């Protein structure tokens, strides 16, 4: 399994960002999870409590900013690659 492109964590919440290569360039998917401990160890869920909502929104905002910067870097990299090939 491939590694995530980036992770952002605060407390029990985490955003995992995955890079998905495609012909027309990369696209990114984001998953917001909350960690919790059981007798068997740590688990993750995508179910949030009301206390998680504001922190989750902030994490998603940070993820959006990171993805936008990556998309711009990807575009610049493709442009440079196309110029070198000419």
PDB file of N, CA and C in Angstrom:
ATOM      1  N   UNK A   1       0.844  -1.179   0.000  1.00  0.00           N
ATOM      2  CA  UNK A   1       0.000   0.000   0.000  1.00  0.00           C
ATOM      3  C   UNK A   1       0.891   1.245   0.000  1.00  0.00           C
ATOM      4  N   UNK A   2       0.511   2.243  -0.751  1.00  0.00           N
ATOM      5  CA  UNK A   2       1.323   3.453  -0.846  1.00  0.00           C
ATOM      6  C   UNK A   2       1.179   4.303   0.410  1.00  0.00           C
ATOM      7  N   UNK A   3       2.140   5.160   0.615  1.00  0.00           N
ATOM      8  CA  UNK A   3       2.147   6.062   1.754  1.00  0.00           C
ATOM      9  C   UNK A   3       1.303   7.291   1.462  1.00  0.00           C
ATOM     10  N   UNK A   4       0.700   7.871   2.496  1.00  0.00           N
ATOM     11  CA  UNK A   4      -0.022   9.124   2.283  1.00  0.00           C
ATOM     12  C   UNK A   4       0.943  10.237   1.889  1.00  0.00           C
ATOM     13  N   UNK A   5       0.436  11.218   1.167  1.00  0.00           N
ATOM     14  CA  UNK A   5       1.256  12.356   0.763  1.00  0.00           C
ATOM     15  C   UNK A   5       1.537  13.260   1.961  1.00  0.00           C
ATOM     16  N   UNK A   6       0.576  13.326   2.897  1.00  0.00           N
ATOM     17  CA  UNK A   6       0.737  14.230   4.034  1.00  0.00           C
ATOM     18  C   UNK A   6      -0.276  13.870   5.111  1.00  0.00           C
ATOM     19  N   UNK A   7       0.087  14.134   6.370  1.00  0.00           N
ATOM     20  CA  UNK A   7      -0.834  13.953   7.500  1.00  0.00           C
ATOM     21  C   UNK A   7      -0.769  15.199   8.365  1.00  0.00           C
ATOM     22  N   UNK A   8      -1.918  15.591   8.899  1.00  0.00           N
ATOM     23  CA  UNK A   8      -1.995  16.701   9.833  1.00  0.00           C
ATOM     24  C   UNK A   8      -2.811  16.208  11.027  1.00  0.00           C
ATOM     25  N   UNK A   9      -2.280  16.420  12.223  1.00  0.00           N
ATOM     26  CA  UNK A   9      -2.939  15.888  13.416  1.00  0.00           C
ATOM     27  C   UNK A   9      -3.093  16.979  14.467  1.00  0.00           C
ATOM     28  N   UNK A  10      -4.203  16.910  15.188  1.00  0.00           N
ATOM     29  CA  UNK A  10      -4.386  17.692  16.402  1.00  0.00           C
ATOM     30  C   UNK A  10      -5.182  16.841  17.383  1.00  0.00           C
ATOM     31  N   UNK A  11      -4.608  16.589  18.530  1.00  0.00           N
ATOM     32  CA  UNK A  11      -5.279  15.729  19.508  1.00  0.00           C
ATOM     33  C   UNK A  11      -5.586  14.371  18.910  1.00  0.00           C
ATOM     34  N   UNK A  12      -6.815  13.925  19.044  1.00  0.00           N
ATOM     35  CA  UNK A  12      -7.228  12.616  18.532  1.00  0.00           C
ATOM     36  C   UNK A  12      -7.629  12.654  17.063  1.00  0.00           C
ATOM     37  N   UNK A  13      -7.698  13.863  16.483  1.00  0.00           N
ATOM     38  CA  UNK A  13      -8.130  13.996  15.088  1.00  0.00           C
ATOM     39  C   UNK A  13      -6.947  14.023  14.141  1.00  0.00           C
ATOM     40  N   UNK A  14      -7.159  13.444  12.974  1.00  0.00           N
ATOM     41  CA  UNK A  14      -6.109  13.430  11.952  1.00  0.00           C
ATOM     42  C   UNK A  14      -6.722  13.530  10.569  1.00  0.00           C
ATOM     43  N   UNK A  15      -6.069  14.319   9.722  1.00  0.00           N
ATOM     44  CA  UNK A  15      -6.415  14.378   8.307  1.00  0.00           C
ATOM     45  C   UNK A  15      -5.284  13.673   7.553  1.00  0.00           C
ATOM     46  N   UNK A  16      -5.652  12.719   6.725  1.00  0.00           N
ATOM     47  CA  UNK A  16      -4.690  12.017   5.878  1.00  0.00           C
ATOM     48  C   UNK A  16      -4.978  12.406   4.435  1.00  0.00           C
ATOM     49  N   UNK A  17      -3.930  12.855   3.735  1.00  0.00           N
ATOM     50  CA  UNK A  17      -4.070  13.308   2.352  1.00  0.00           C
ATOM     51  C   UNK A  17      -3.348  12.316   1.450  1.00  0.00           C
ATOM     52  N   UNK A  18      -4.066  11.846   0.443  1.00  0.00           N
ATOM     53  CA  UNK A  18      -3.525  10.863  -0.503  1.00  0.00           C
ATOM     54  C   UNK A  18      -3.346  11.507  -1.874  1.00  0.00           C
ATOM     55  N   UNK A  19      -2.199  11.270  -2.503  1.00  0.00           N
ATOM     56  CA  UNK A  19      -1.933  11.725  -3.873  1.00  0.00           C
ATOM     57  C   UNK A  19      -2.360  10.608  -4.819  1.00  0.00           C
ATOM     58  N   UNK A  20      -3.138  10.988  -5.816  1.00  0.00           N
ATOM     59  CA  UNK A  20      -3.647  10.030  -6.798  1.00  0.00           C
ATOM     60  C   UNK A  20      -3.174  10.474  -8.187  1.00  0.00           C
ATOM     61  N   UNK A  21      -2.193   9.773  -8.750  1.00  0.00           N
ATOM     62  CA  UNK A  21      -1.699  10.165 -10.075  1.00  0.00           C
ATOM     63  C   UNK A  21      -2.713   9.849 -11.171  1.00  0.00           C
ATOM     64  N   UNK A  22      -2.786  10.735 -12.151  1.00  0.00           N
ATOM     65  CA  UNK A  22      -3.675  10.554 -13.296  1.00  0.00           C
ATOM     66  C   UNK A  22      -2.990  11.140 -14.527  1.00  0.00           C
ATOM     67  N   UNK A  23      -3.517  10.832 -15.703  1.00  0.00           N
ATOM     68  CA  UNK A  23      -2.925  11.324 -16.953  1.00  0.00           C
ATOM     69  C   UNK A  23      -2.835  12.845 -17.001  1.00  0.00           C
ATOM     70  N   UNK A  24      -3.864  13.516 -16.528  1.00  0.00           N
ATOM     71  CA  UNK A  24      -3.894  14.981 -16.598  1.00  0.00           C
ATOM     72  C   UNK A  24      -3.285  15.633 -15.367  1.00  0.00           C
ATOM     73  N   UNK A  25      -2.632  14.862 -14.529  1.00  0.00           N
ATOM     74  CA  UNK A  25      -2.011  15.407 -13.323  1.00  0.00           C
ATOM     75  C   UNK A  25      -2.569  14.764 -12.068  1.00  0.00           C
ATOM     76  N   UNK A  26      -1.901  15.032 -10.974  1.00  0.00           N
ATOM     77  CA  UNK A  26      -2.316  14.464  -9.699  1.00  0.00           C
ATOM     78  C   UNK A  26      -3.626  15.060  -9.219  1.00  0.00           C
ATOM     79  N   UNK A  27      -4.371  14.257  -8.464  1.00  0.00           N
ATOM     80  CA  UNK A  27      -5.503  14.764  -7.714  1.00  0.00           C
ATOM     81  C   UNK A  27      -5.366  14.206  -6.307  1.00  0.00           C
ATOM     82  N   UNK A  28      -6.013  14.830  -5.363  1.00  0.00           N
ATOM     83  CA  UNK A  28      -5.812  14.504  -3.957  1.00  0.00           C
ATOM     84  C   UNK A  28      -7.135  14.165  -3.285  1.00  0.00           C
ATOM     85  N   UNK A  29      -7.087  13.182  -2.407  1.00  0.00           N
ATOM     86  CA  UNK A  29      -8.250  12.851  -1.597  1.00  0.00           C
ATOM     87  C   UNK A  29      -7.863  13.004  -0.122  1.00  0.00           C
ATOM     88  N   UNK A  30      -8.858  13.311   0.692  1.00  0.00           N
ATOM     89  CA  UNK A  30      -8.615  13.632   2.098  1.00  0.00           C
ATOM     90  C   UNK A  30      -9.552  12.806   2.966  1.00  0.00           C
ATOM     91  N   UNK A  31      -9.018  12.273   4.057  1.00  0.00           N
ATOM     92  CA  UNK A  31      -9.836  11.517   5.004  1.00  0.00           C
ATOM     93  C   UNK A  31      -9.617  12.085   6.403  1.00  0.00           C
ATOM     94  N   UNK A  32     -10.705  12.432   7.073  1.00  0.00           N
ATOM     95  CA  UNK A  32     -10.683  12.932   8.440  1.00  0.00           C
ATOM     96  C   UNK A  32     -11.077  11.791   9.369  1.00  0.00           C
ATOM     97  N   UNK A  33     -10.231  11.493  10.365  1.00  0.00           N
ATOM     98  CA  UNK A  33     -10.512  10.412  11.300  1.00  0.00           C
ATOM     99  C   UNK A  33     -10.260  10.869  12.736  1.00  0.00           C
ATOM    100  N   UNK A  34     -10.845  10.129  13.653  1.00  0.00           N
ATOM    101  CA  UNK A  34     -10.620  10.350  15.086  1.00  0.00           C
ATOM    102  C   UNK A  34     -10.107   9.044  15.664  1.00  0.00           C
ATOM    103  N   UNK A  35      -9.004   9.126  16.385  1.00  0.00           N
ATOM    104  CA  UNK A  35      -8.442   7.947  17.022  1.00  0.00           C
ATOM    105  C   UNK A  35      -9.057   7.726  18.395  1.00  0.00           C
ATOM    106  N   UNK A  36      -9.172   6.479  18.779  1.00  0.00           N
ATOM    107  CA  UNK A  36      -9.661   6.138  20.110  1.00  0.00           C
ATOM    108  C   UNK A  36      -9.012   4.830  20.540  1.00  0.00           C
ATOM    109  N   UNK A  37      -8.889   4.648  21.848  1.00  0.00           N
ATOM    110  CA  UNK A  37      -8.208   3.474  22.369  1.00  0.00           C
ATOM    111  C   UNK A  37      -9.217   2.450  22.875  1.00  0.00           C
ATOM    112  N   UNK A  38      -8.961   1.191  22.535  1.00  0.00           N
ATOM    113  CA  UNK A  38      -9.760   0.075  23.040  1.00  0.00           C
ATOM    114  C   UNK A  38      -8.832  -0.848  23.821  1.00  0.00           C
ATOM    115  N   UNK A  39      -9.378  -1.895  24.367  1.00  0.00           N
ATOM    116  CA  UNK A  39      -8.552  -2.885  25.073  1.00  0.00           C
ATOM    117  C   UNK A  39      -7.557  -3.551  24.130  1.00  0.00           C
ATOM    118  N   UNK A  40      -7.889  -3.596  22.836  1.00  0.00           N
ATOM    119  CA  UNK A  40      -7.025  -4.233  21.837  1.00  0.00           C
ATOM    120  C   UNK A  40      -6.020  -3.274  21.210  1.00  0.00           C
ATOM    121  N   UNK A  41      -6.035  -2.007  21.597  1.00  0.00           N
ATOM    122  CA  UNK A  41      -5.113  -1.029  21.013  1.00  0.00           C
ATOM    123  C   UNK A  41      -5.858   0.137  20.401  1.00  0.00           C
ATOM    124  N   UNK A  42      -5.154   0.894  19.579  1.00  0.00           N
ATOM    125  CA  UNK A  42      -5.724   2.093  18.961  1.00  0.00           C
ATOM    126  C   UNK A  42      -6.514   1.753  17.713  1.00  0.00           C
ATOM    127  N   UNK A  43      -7.629   2.435  17.540  1.00  0.00           N
ATOM    128  CA  UNK A  43      -8.500   2.292  16.372  1.00  0.00           C
ATOM    129  C   UNK A  43      -8.789   3.676  15.817  1.00  0.00           C
ATOM    130  N   UNK A  44      -9.341   3.716  14.613  1.00  0.00           N
ATOM    131  CA  UNK A  44      -9.763   4.973  13.997  1.00  0.00           C
ATOM    132  C   UNK A  44     -11.215   4.868  13.561  1.00  0.00           C
ATOM    133  N   UNK A  45     -11.906   6.006  13.613  1.00  0.00           N
ATOM    134  CA  UNK A  45     -13.277   6.080  13.122  1.00  0.00           C
ATOM    135  C   UNK A  45     -13.455   7.384  12.362  1.00  0.00           C
ATOM    136  N   UNK A  46     -14.415   7.406  11.464  1.00  0.00           N
ATOM    137  CA  UNK A  46     -14.739   8.661  10.776  1.00  0.00           C
ATOM    138  C   UNK A  46     -15.963   9.314  11.409  1.00  0.00           C
ATOM    139  N   UNK A  47     -16.413   8.760  12.528  1.00  0.00           N
ATOM    140  CA  UNK A  47     -17.537   9.323  13.270  1.00  0.00           C
ATOM    141  C   UNK A  47     -16.998  10.342  14.272  1.00  0.00           C
ATOM    142  N   UNK A  48     -17.550  11.559  14.253  1.00  0.00           N
ATOM    143  CA  UNK A  48     -17.074  12.625  15.121  1.00  0.00           C
ATOM    144  C   UNK A  48     -18.136  13.006  16.140  1.00  0.00           C
ATOM    145  N   UNK A  49     -17.688  13.426  17.306  1.00  0.00           N
ATOM    146  CA  UNK A  49     -18.587  13.971  18.303  1.00  0.00           C
ATOM    147  C   UNK A  49     -18.715  15.474  18.117  1.00  0.00           C
ATOM    148  N   UNK A  50     -19.650  16.080  18.803  1.00  0.00           N
ATOM    149  CA  UNK A  50     -19.851  17.522  18.630  1.00  0.00           C
ATOM    150  C   UNK A  50     -18.617  18.307  19.052  1.00  0.00           C
ATOM    151  N   UNK A  51     -17.836  17.782  19.998  1.00  0.00           N
ATOM    152  CA  UNK A  51     -16.615  18.461  20.429  1.00  0.00           C
ATOM    153  C   UNK A  51     -15.503  18.399  19.381  1.00  0.00           C
ATOM    154  N   UNK A  52     -15.641  17.529  18.399  1.00  0.00           N
ATOM    155  CA  UNK A  52     -14.622  17.371  17.354  1.00  0.00           C
ATOM    156  C   UNK A  52     -14.854  18.281  16.151  1.00  0.00           C
ATOM    157  N   UNK A  53     -16.027  18.872  16.052  1.00  0.00           N
ATOM    158  CA  UNK A  53     -16.409  19.554  14.812  1.00  0.00           C
ATOM    159  C   UNK A  53     -15.543  20.763  14.485  1.00  0.00           C
ATOM    160  N   UNK A  54     -15.301  21.633  15.429  1.00  0.00           N
ATOM    161  CA  UNK A  54     -14.513  22.826  15.149  1.00  0.00           C
ATOM    162  C   UNK A  54     -13.059  22.472  14.826  1.00  0.00           C
ATOM    163  N   UNK A  55     -12.485  21.565  15.611  1.00  0.00           N
ATOM    164  CA  UNK A  55     -11.109  21.125  15.334  1.00  0.00           C
ATOM    165  C   UNK A  55     -11.040  20.407  13.988  1.00  0.00           C
ATOM    166  N   UNK A  56     -12.057  19.616  13.669  1.00  0.00           N
ATOM    167  CA  UNK A  56     -12.105  18.935  12.372  1.00  0.00           C
ATOM    168  C   UNK A  56     -12.184  19.923  11.228  1.00  0.00           C
ATOM    169  N   UNK A  57     -12.980  20.973  11.400  1.00  0.00           N
ATOM    170  CA  UNK A  57     -13.085  22.004  10.368  1.00  0.00           C
ATOM    171  C   UNK A  57     -11.735  22.692  10.156  1.00  0.00           C
ATOM    172  N   UNK A  58     -11.018  22.958  11.233  1.00  0.00           N
ATOM    173  CA  UNK A  58      -9.695  23.585  11.117  1.00  0.00           C
ATOM    174  C   UNK A  58      -8.724  22.658  10.389  1.00  0.00           C
ATOM    175  N   UNK A  59      -8.755  21.384  10.716  1.00  0.00           N
ATOM    176  CA  UNK A  59      -7.883  20.426  10.025  1.00  0.00           C
ATOM    177  C   UNK A  59      -8.205  20.367   8.533  1.00  0.00           C
ATOM    178  N   UNK A  60      -9.480  20.375   8.195  1.00  0.00           N
ATOM    179  CA  UNK A  60      -9.870  20.348   6.787  1.00  0.00           C
ATOM    180  C   UNK A  60      -9.439  21.625   6.073  1.00  0.00           C
ATOM    181  N   UNK A  61      -9.488  22.766   6.774  1.00  0.00           N
ATOM    182  CA  UNK A  61      -8.994  24.024   6.208  1.00  0.00           C
ATOM    183  C   UNK A  61      -7.496  23.931   5.930  1.00  0.00           C
ATOM    184  N   UNK A  62      -6.737  23.387   6.877  1.00  0.00           N
ATOM    185  CA  UNK A  62      -5.292  23.208   6.679  1.00  0.00           C
ATOM    186  C   UNK A  62      -5.014  22.237   5.532  1.00  0.00           C
ATOM    187  N   UNK A  63      -5.818  21.176   5.440  1.00  0.00           N
ATOM    188  CA  UNK A  63      -5.659  20.206   4.350  1.00  0.00           C
ATOM    189  C   UNK A  63      -5.925  20.875   3.009  1.00  0.00           C
ATOM    190  N   UNK A  64      -6.952  21.714   2.948  1.00  0.00           N
ATOM    191  CA  UNK A  64      -7.270  22.430   1.712  1.00  0.00           C
ATOM    192  C   UNK A  64      -6.098  23.296   1.283  1.00  0.00           C
ATOM    193  N   UNK A  65      -5.524  24.043   2.215  1.00  0.00           N
ATOM    194  CA  UNK A  65      -4.366  24.895   1.912  1.00  0.00           C
ATOM    195  C   UNK A  65      -3.201  24.059   1.400  1.00  0.00           C
ATOM    196  N   UNK A  66      -2.928  22.930   2.055  1.00  0.00           N
ATOM    197  CA  UNK A  66      -1.816  22.075   1.639  1.00  0.00           C
ATOM    198  C   UNK A  66      -2.055  21.537   0.224  1.00  0.00           C
ATOM    199  N   UNK A  67      -3.269  21.072  -0.045  1.00  0.00           N
ATOM    200  CA  UNK A  67      -3.589  20.525  -1.370  1.00  0.00           C
ATOM    201  C   UNK A  67      -3.463  21.612  -2.437  1.00  0.00           C
ATOM    202  N   UNK A  68      -3.948  22.818  -2.171  1.00  0.00           N
ATOM    203  CA  UNK A  68      -3.854  23.905  -3.150  1.00  0.00           C
ATOM    204  C   UNK A  68      -2.397  24.218  -3.478  1.00  0.00           C
ATOM    205  N   UNK A  69      -1.527  24.228  -2.474  1.00  0.00           N
ATOM    206  CA  UNK A  69      -0.097  24.456  -2.723  1.00  0.00           C
ATOM    207  C   UNK A  69       0.503  23.316  -3.542  1.00  0.00           C
ATOM    208  N   UNK A  70       0.093  22.082  -3.240  1.00  0.00           N
ATOM    209  CA  UNK A  70       0.611  20.931  -3.988  1.00  0.00           C
ATOM    210  C   UNK A  70       0.150  20.962  -5.436  1.00  0.00           C
ATOM    211  N   UNK A  71      -1.106  21.299  -5.664  1.00  0.00           N
ATOM    212  CA  UNK A  71      -1.609  21.377  -7.040  1.00  0.00           C
ATOM    213  C   UNK A  71      -0.836  22.425  -7.838  1.00  0.00           C
ATOM    214  N   UNK A  72      -0.533  23.552  -7.215  1.00  0.00           N
ATOM    215  CA  UNK A  72       0.255  24.585  -7.886  1.00  0.00           C
ATOM    216  C   UNK A  72       1.665  24.084  -8.178  1.00  0.00           C
ATOM    217  N   UNK A  73       2.282  23.415  -7.224  1.00  0.00           N
ATOM    218  CA  UNK A  73       3.615  22.842  -7.440  1.00  0.00           C
ATOM    219  C   UNK A  73       3.576  21.784  -8.537  1.00  0.00           C
ATOM    220  N   UNK A  74       2.524  20.979  -8.558  1.00  0.00           N
ATOM    221  CA  UNK A  74       2.366  19.962  -9.610  1.00  0.00           C
ATOM    222  C   UNK A  74       2.268  20.628 -10.983  1.00  0.00           C
ATOM    223  N   UNK A  75       1.479  21.719 -11.082  1.00  0.00           N
ATOM    224  CA  UNK A  75       1.331  22.423 -12.362  1.00  0.00           C
ATOM    225  C   UNK A  75       2.667  22.995 -12.827  1.00  0.00           C
ATOM    226  N   UNK A  76       3.394  23.601 -11.904  1.00  0.00           N
ATOM    227  CA  UNK A  76       4.698  24.168 -12.263  1.00  0.00           C
ATOM    228  C   UNK A  76       5.656  23.073 -12.704  1.00  0.00           C
ATOM    229  N   UNK A  77       5.624  21.937 -12.029  1.00  0.00           N
ATOM    230  CA  UNK A  77       6.480  20.812 -12.403  1.00  0.00           C
ATOM    231  C   UNK A  77       6.146  20.266 -13.782  1.00  0.00           C
ATOM    232  N   UNK A  78       4.841  20.159 -14.091  1.00  0.00           N
ATOM    233  CA  UNK A  78       4.433  19.687 -15.417  1.00  0.00           C
ATOM    234  C   UNK A  78       4.857  20.667 -16.492  1.00  0.00           C
ATOM    235  N   UNK A  79       4.687  21.972 -16.230  1.00  0.00           N
ATOM    236  CA  UNK A  79       5.072  22.995 -17.200  1.00  0.00           C
ATOM    237  C   UNK A  79       6.570  22.931 -17.493  1.00  0.00           C
ATOM    238  N   UNK A  80       7.356  22.818 -16.428  1.00  0.00           N
ATOM    239  CA  UNK A  80       8.807  22.737 -16.582  1.00  0.00           C
ATOM    240  C   UNK A  80       9.190  21.487 -17.359  1.00  0.00           C
ATOM    241  N   UNK A  81       8.538  20.375 -17.056  1.00  0.00           N
ATOM    242  CA  UNK A  81       8.798  19.128 -17.762  1.00  0.00           C
ATOM    243  C   UNK A  81       8.460  19.247 -19.246  1.00  0.00           C
ATOM    244  N   UNK A  82       7.335  19.889 -19.550  1.00  0.00           N
ATOM    245  CA  UNK A  82       6.943  20.081 -20.949  1.00  0.00           C
ATOM    246  C   UNK A  82       7.939  20.973 -21.683  1.00  0.00           C
ATOM    247  N   UNK A  83       8.462  21.993 -21.030  1.00  0.00           N
ATOM    248  CA  UNK A  83       9.434  22.888 -21.650  1.00  0.00           C
ATOM    249  C   UNK A  83      10.744  22.160 -21.939  1.00  0.00           C
ATOM    250  N   UNK A  84      11.152  21.275 -21.053  1.00  0.00           N
ATOM    251  CA  UNK A  84      12.390  20.520 -21.233  1.00  0.00           C
ATOM    252  C   UNK A  84      12.245  19.547 -22.387  1.00  0.00           C
ATOM    253  N   UNK A  85      11.057  18.987 -22.597  1.00  0.00           N
ATOM    254  CA  UNK A  85      10.827  18.005 -23.651  1.00  0.00           C
ATOM    255  C   UNK A  85      10.792  18.636 -25.034  1.00  0.00           C
ATOM    256  N   UNK A  86      10.540  19.940 -25.113  1.00  0.00           N
ATOM    257  CA  UNK A  86      10.422  20.610 -26.420  1.00  0.00           C
ATOM    258  C   UNK A  86      11.741  20.767 -27.094  1.00  0.00           C
TER     259      UNK A  86
END
